[in-house]
């Protein structure tokens, strides 16, 4: 079973502030504990380049090895896109929501 794609979509504004770039001590509003586990694992992967073994085992048991690899790849893909956008200093489209982090 693959992770829900909704977790990879942009978060609503109230959640954005404590999303992937938020303070890890803050609770994740509007997330189920299962979703919060995915977000926390993504935070760990992006910040420390590793996921806690206990969290990785939990995600593997939920999604299987293939789903865990897909999730990890999706996190890396979105990180790569963010790097390209930042390096090229792309401007936000007119009327687009700007997430404050």
N, C-alpha and C. Protein backbone atom coordinates (compact mmCIF):
# COMPACT_ATOMS: atom_id res chain seq x y z
N UNK A 1 0.84 -1.18 0.00
CA UNK A 1 0.00 0.00 0.00
C UNK A 1 0.88 1.24 0.00
N UNK A 2 0.65 2.15 -0.91
CA UNK A 2 1.42 3.39 -1.00
C UNK A 2 0.86 4.42 -0.03
N UNK A 3 1.70 5.39 0.35
CA UNK A 3 1.21 6.46 1.21
C UNK A 3 0.18 7.31 0.48
N UNK A 4 -0.71 7.95 1.22
CA UNK A 4 -1.72 8.78 0.57
C UNK A 4 -1.08 9.97 -0.15
N UNK A 5 -1.49 10.20 -1.39
CA UNK A 5 -0.93 11.30 -2.17
C UNK A 5 -1.27 12.65 -1.59
N UNK A 6 -2.35 12.74 -0.82
CA UNK A 6 -2.72 14.03 -0.22
C UNK A 6 -1.63 14.55 0.69
N UNK A 7 -0.79 13.66 1.21
CA UNK A 7 0.30 14.12 2.07
C UNK A 7 1.39 14.82 1.29
N UNK A 8 1.42 14.60 -0.01
CA UNK A 8 2.45 15.21 -0.83
C UNK A 8 1.98 16.51 -1.46
N UNK A 9 0.71 16.84 -1.31
CA UNK A 9 0.16 18.07 -1.86
C UNK A 9 0.43 19.23 -0.90
N UNK A 10 0.33 20.46 -1.38
CA UNK A 10 0.52 21.60 -0.48
C UNK A 10 -0.46 21.56 0.68
N UNK A 11 0.02 21.95 1.84
CA UNK A 11 -0.81 21.97 3.04
C UNK A 11 -1.65 23.23 3.08
N UNK A 12 -2.83 23.19 3.70
CA UNK A 12 -3.59 24.41 3.91
C UNK A 12 -2.77 25.39 4.76
N UNK A 13 -3.03 26.66 4.62
CA UNK A 13 -2.22 27.69 5.28
C UNK A 13 -1.98 27.46 6.78
N UNK A 14 -3.00 27.13 7.60
CA UNK A 14 -2.72 26.96 9.03
C UNK A 14 -1.73 25.83 9.31
N UNK A 15 -1.72 24.82 8.48
CA UNK A 15 -0.83 23.70 8.69
C UNK A 15 0.57 24.00 8.17
N UNK A 16 0.67 24.84 7.17
CA UNK A 16 1.95 25.12 6.53
C UNK A 16 3.00 25.59 7.51
N UNK A 17 2.60 26.42 8.45
CA UNK A 17 3.57 27.00 9.36
C UNK A 17 4.21 25.97 10.27
N UNK A 18 3.57 24.85 10.50
CA UNK A 18 4.20 23.81 11.31
C UNK A 18 4.36 22.53 10.51
N UNK A 19 4.46 22.67 9.19
CA UNK A 19 4.66 21.53 8.30
C UNK A 19 6.11 21.08 8.31
N UNK A 20 6.63 20.75 7.18
CA UNK A 20 7.98 20.19 7.10
C UNK A 20 9.04 21.13 7.64
N UNK A 21 8.86 22.43 7.48
CA UNK A 21 9.86 23.38 7.95
C UNK A 21 9.57 23.91 9.35
N UNK A 22 8.50 23.45 9.95
CA UNK A 22 8.10 23.98 11.25
C UNK A 22 8.96 23.49 12.40
N UNK A 23 8.64 23.98 13.55
CA UNK A 23 9.33 23.60 14.77
C UNK A 23 8.95 22.16 15.10
N UNK A 24 9.93 21.26 15.18
CA UNK A 24 9.60 19.85 15.42
C UNK A 24 8.95 19.59 16.77
N UNK A 25 9.02 20.57 17.67
CA UNK A 25 8.39 20.39 18.99
C UNK A 25 6.91 20.73 18.95
N UNK A 26 6.48 21.40 17.89
CA UNK A 26 5.09 21.81 17.78
C UNK A 26 4.25 20.66 17.22
N UNK A 27 3.03 20.51 17.73
CA UNK A 27 2.15 19.47 17.16
C UNK A 27 1.78 19.83 15.74
N UNK A 28 1.42 18.84 14.97
CA UNK A 28 1.03 19.06 13.59
C UNK A 28 -0.49 19.16 13.52
N UNK A 29 -1.02 20.37 13.39
CA UNK A 29 -2.47 20.52 13.35
C UNK A 29 -3.07 19.84 12.12
N UNK A 30 -4.28 19.36 12.29
CA UNK A 30 -5.05 18.74 11.21
C UNK A 30 -4.44 17.45 10.67
N UNK A 31 -3.53 16.87 11.38
CA UNK A 31 -2.96 15.60 10.94
C UNK A 31 -3.36 14.50 11.90
N UNK A 32 -3.68 13.37 11.34
CA UNK A 32 -3.88 12.20 12.18
C UNK A 32 -2.51 11.77 12.70
N UNK A 33 -2.44 10.97 13.74
CA UNK A 33 -1.13 10.49 14.20
C UNK A 33 -0.36 9.76 13.10
N UNK A 34 -1.08 9.06 12.23
CA UNK A 34 -0.43 8.34 11.14
C UNK A 34 0.19 9.31 10.13
N UNK A 35 -0.54 10.39 9.80
CA UNK A 35 -0.01 11.39 8.89
C UNK A 35 1.16 12.15 9.54
N UNK A 36 1.01 12.46 10.83
CA UNK A 36 2.08 13.16 11.54
C UNK A 36 3.37 12.34 11.54
N UNK A 37 3.24 11.02 11.60
CA UNK A 37 4.42 10.16 11.55
C UNK A 37 5.15 10.32 10.22
N UNK A 38 4.40 10.43 9.14
CA UNK A 38 5.01 10.63 7.82
C UNK A 38 5.70 11.99 7.75
N UNK A 39 5.03 13.03 8.23
CA UNK A 39 5.61 14.37 8.20
C UNK A 39 6.87 14.42 9.05
N UNK A 40 6.84 13.82 10.23
CA UNK A 40 8.02 13.81 11.10
C UNK A 40 9.17 13.04 10.45
N UNK A 41 8.87 11.95 9.78
CA UNK A 41 9.90 11.19 9.09
C UNK A 41 10.51 12.01 7.96
N UNK A 42 9.66 12.76 7.23
CA UNK A 42 10.16 13.64 6.16
C UNK A 42 11.06 14.72 6.74
N UNK A 43 10.66 15.29 7.87
CA UNK A 43 11.51 16.29 8.54
C UNK A 43 12.88 15.70 8.87
N UNK A 44 12.87 14.50 9.44
CA UNK A 44 14.13 13.86 9.81
C UNK A 44 14.99 13.63 8.57
N UNK A 45 14.39 13.13 7.51
CA UNK A 45 15.13 12.83 6.29
C UNK A 45 15.74 14.10 5.70
N UNK A 46 14.98 15.18 5.67
CA UNK A 46 15.48 16.42 5.08
C UNK A 46 16.50 17.12 5.97
N UNK A 47 16.35 17.02 7.26
CA UNK A 47 17.26 17.73 8.17
C UNK A 47 18.50 16.93 8.52
N UNK A 48 18.32 15.62 8.73
CA UNK A 48 19.43 14.79 9.22
C UNK A 48 19.93 13.80 8.18
N UNK A 49 19.26 13.73 7.03
CA UNK A 49 19.57 12.77 5.97
C UNK A 49 19.37 11.32 6.41
N UNK A 50 18.63 11.12 7.47
CA UNK A 50 18.33 9.79 8.01
C UNK A 50 16.93 9.83 8.62
N UNK A 51 16.32 8.66 8.70
CA UNK A 51 15.05 8.51 9.40
C UNK A 51 15.30 7.57 10.58
N UNK A 52 14.78 7.95 11.73
CA UNK A 52 14.90 7.13 12.92
C UNK A 52 14.50 5.69 12.60
N UNK A 53 15.31 4.70 13.00
CA UNK A 53 14.99 3.31 12.66
C UNK A 53 13.59 2.87 13.10
N UNK A 54 13.15 3.33 14.27
CA UNK A 54 11.82 2.96 14.74
C UNK A 54 10.74 3.52 13.82
N UNK A 55 10.91 4.77 13.40
CA UNK A 55 9.94 5.39 12.48
C UNK A 55 9.97 4.70 11.12
N UNK A 56 11.18 4.39 10.63
CA UNK A 56 11.30 3.70 9.35
C UNK A 56 10.61 2.33 9.40
N UNK A 57 10.83 1.61 10.49
CA UNK A 57 10.19 0.30 10.65
C UNK A 57 8.67 0.41 10.67
N UNK A 58 8.18 1.46 11.35
CA UNK A 58 6.73 1.67 11.42
C UNK A 58 6.16 1.97 10.03
N UNK A 59 6.83 2.83 9.28
CA UNK A 59 6.36 3.15 7.93
C UNK A 59 6.44 1.93 7.01
N UNK A 60 7.50 1.15 7.15
CA UNK A 60 7.62 -0.07 6.34
C UNK A 60 6.50 -1.05 6.65
N UNK A 61 6.13 -1.14 7.94
CA UNK A 61 5.05 -2.07 8.29
C UNK A 61 3.71 -1.57 7.76
N UNK A 62 3.53 -0.26 7.67
CA UNK A 62 2.29 0.30 7.15
C UNK A 62 2.19 0.21 5.63
N UNK A 63 3.29 0.53 4.93
CA UNK A 63 3.25 0.66 3.48
C UNK A 63 4.02 -0.42 2.72
N UNK A 64 4.76 -1.26 3.44
CA UNK A 64 5.61 -2.24 2.78
C UNK A 64 6.89 -1.57 2.28
N UNK A 65 7.83 -2.38 1.86
CA UNK A 65 9.10 -1.83 1.40
C UNK A 65 8.92 -0.92 0.18
N UNK A 66 8.08 -1.36 -0.76
CA UNK A 66 7.88 -0.57 -1.97
C UNK A 66 7.26 0.79 -1.65
N UNK A 67 6.23 0.81 -0.80
CA UNK A 67 5.59 2.07 -0.41
C UNK A 67 6.54 2.98 0.35
N UNK A 68 7.38 2.39 1.19
CA UNK A 68 8.37 3.18 1.95
C UNK A 68 9.37 3.82 0.97
N UNK A 69 9.80 3.06 -0.02
CA UNK A 69 10.74 3.59 -1.02
C UNK A 69 10.06 4.68 -1.85
N UNK A 70 8.80 4.48 -2.23
CA UNK A 70 8.06 5.50 -2.99
C UNK A 70 7.92 6.78 -2.19
N UNK A 71 7.59 6.65 -0.91
CA UNK A 71 7.45 7.82 -0.05
C UNK A 71 8.78 8.57 0.05
N UNK A 72 9.86 7.83 0.28
CA UNK A 72 11.18 8.45 0.39
C UNK A 72 11.55 9.14 -0.93
N UNK A 73 11.25 8.50 -2.04
CA UNK A 73 11.52 9.11 -3.35
C UNK A 73 10.72 10.37 -3.57
N UNK A 74 9.45 10.36 -3.16
CA UNK A 74 8.60 11.55 -3.32
C UNK A 74 9.13 12.70 -2.48
N UNK A 75 9.57 12.42 -1.28
CA UNK A 75 10.15 13.47 -0.42
C UNK A 75 11.39 14.06 -1.09
N UNK A 76 12.24 13.19 -1.62
CA UNK A 76 13.44 13.65 -2.31
C UNK A 76 13.11 14.45 -3.57
N UNK A 77 12.09 14.00 -4.29
CA UNK A 77 11.69 14.68 -5.52
C UNK A 77 11.23 16.11 -5.22
N UNK A 78 10.36 16.26 -4.24
CA UNK A 78 9.88 17.59 -3.89
C UNK A 78 11.00 18.46 -3.34
N UNK A 79 11.94 17.87 -2.64
CA UNK A 79 13.11 18.61 -2.16
C UNK A 79 13.95 19.10 -3.33
N UNK A 80 14.14 18.24 -4.33
CA UNK A 80 14.90 18.61 -5.52
C UNK A 80 14.20 19.74 -6.27
N UNK A 81 12.89 19.67 -6.40
CA UNK A 81 12.16 20.75 -7.07
C UNK A 81 12.33 22.07 -6.33
N UNK A 82 12.27 22.02 -4.99
CA UNK A 82 12.45 23.23 -4.20
C UNK A 82 13.84 23.82 -4.41
N UNK A 83 14.85 22.96 -4.50
CA UNK A 83 16.21 23.45 -4.74
C UNK A 83 16.32 24.15 -6.09
N UNK A 84 15.72 23.57 -7.12
CA UNK A 84 15.76 24.17 -8.45
C UNK A 84 15.05 25.52 -8.45
N UNK A 85 13.89 25.58 -7.81
CA UNK A 85 13.14 26.84 -7.73
C UNK A 85 13.96 27.90 -6.99
N UNK A 86 14.58 27.51 -5.88
CA UNK A 86 15.37 28.46 -5.10
C UNK A 86 16.63 28.89 -5.84
N UNK A 87 17.34 27.94 -6.46
CA UNK A 87 18.58 28.27 -7.17
C UNK A 87 18.32 29.20 -8.35
N UNK A 88 17.22 29.00 -9.03
CA UNK A 88 16.87 29.83 -10.20
C UNK A 88 16.15 31.10 -9.79
N UNK A 89 15.88 31.25 -8.52
CA UNK A 89 15.18 32.42 -7.98
C UNK A 89 13.90 32.70 -8.76
N UNK A 90 13.12 31.63 -8.98
CA UNK A 90 11.87 31.78 -9.70
C UNK A 90 10.89 32.61 -8.88
N UNK A 91 10.14 33.43 -9.56
CA UNK A 91 9.14 34.27 -8.91
C UNK A 91 7.85 33.50 -8.73
N UNK A 92 7.12 33.86 -7.71
CA UNK A 92 5.81 33.27 -7.44
C UNK A 92 4.83 33.80 -8.49
N UNK A 93 3.96 32.92 -8.97
CA UNK A 93 2.97 33.33 -9.96
C UNK A 93 2.01 34.35 -9.34
N UNK A 94 1.54 35.29 -10.15
CA UNK A 94 0.58 36.28 -9.64
C UNK A 94 -0.64 35.59 -9.02
N UNK A 95 -0.98 35.99 -7.82
CA UNK A 95 -2.14 35.45 -7.13
C UNK A 95 -1.91 34.13 -6.41
N UNK A 96 -0.71 33.58 -6.50
CA UNK A 96 -0.42 32.30 -5.84
C UNK A 96 -0.24 32.51 -4.34
N UNK A 97 -0.62 31.51 -3.59
CA UNK A 97 -0.45 31.56 -2.14
C UNK A 97 1.04 31.46 -1.79
N UNK A 98 1.50 32.31 -0.91
CA UNK A 98 2.88 32.26 -0.45
C UNK A 98 2.88 31.68 0.95
N UNK A 99 3.60 30.59 1.12
CA UNK A 99 3.67 29.94 2.43
C UNK A 99 4.78 30.56 3.25
N UNK A 100 4.44 31.03 4.42
CA UNK A 100 5.42 31.65 5.31
C UNK A 100 6.01 30.59 6.19
N UNK A 101 7.32 30.44 6.16
CA UNK A 101 8.00 29.47 7.00
C UNK A 101 9.07 30.13 7.84
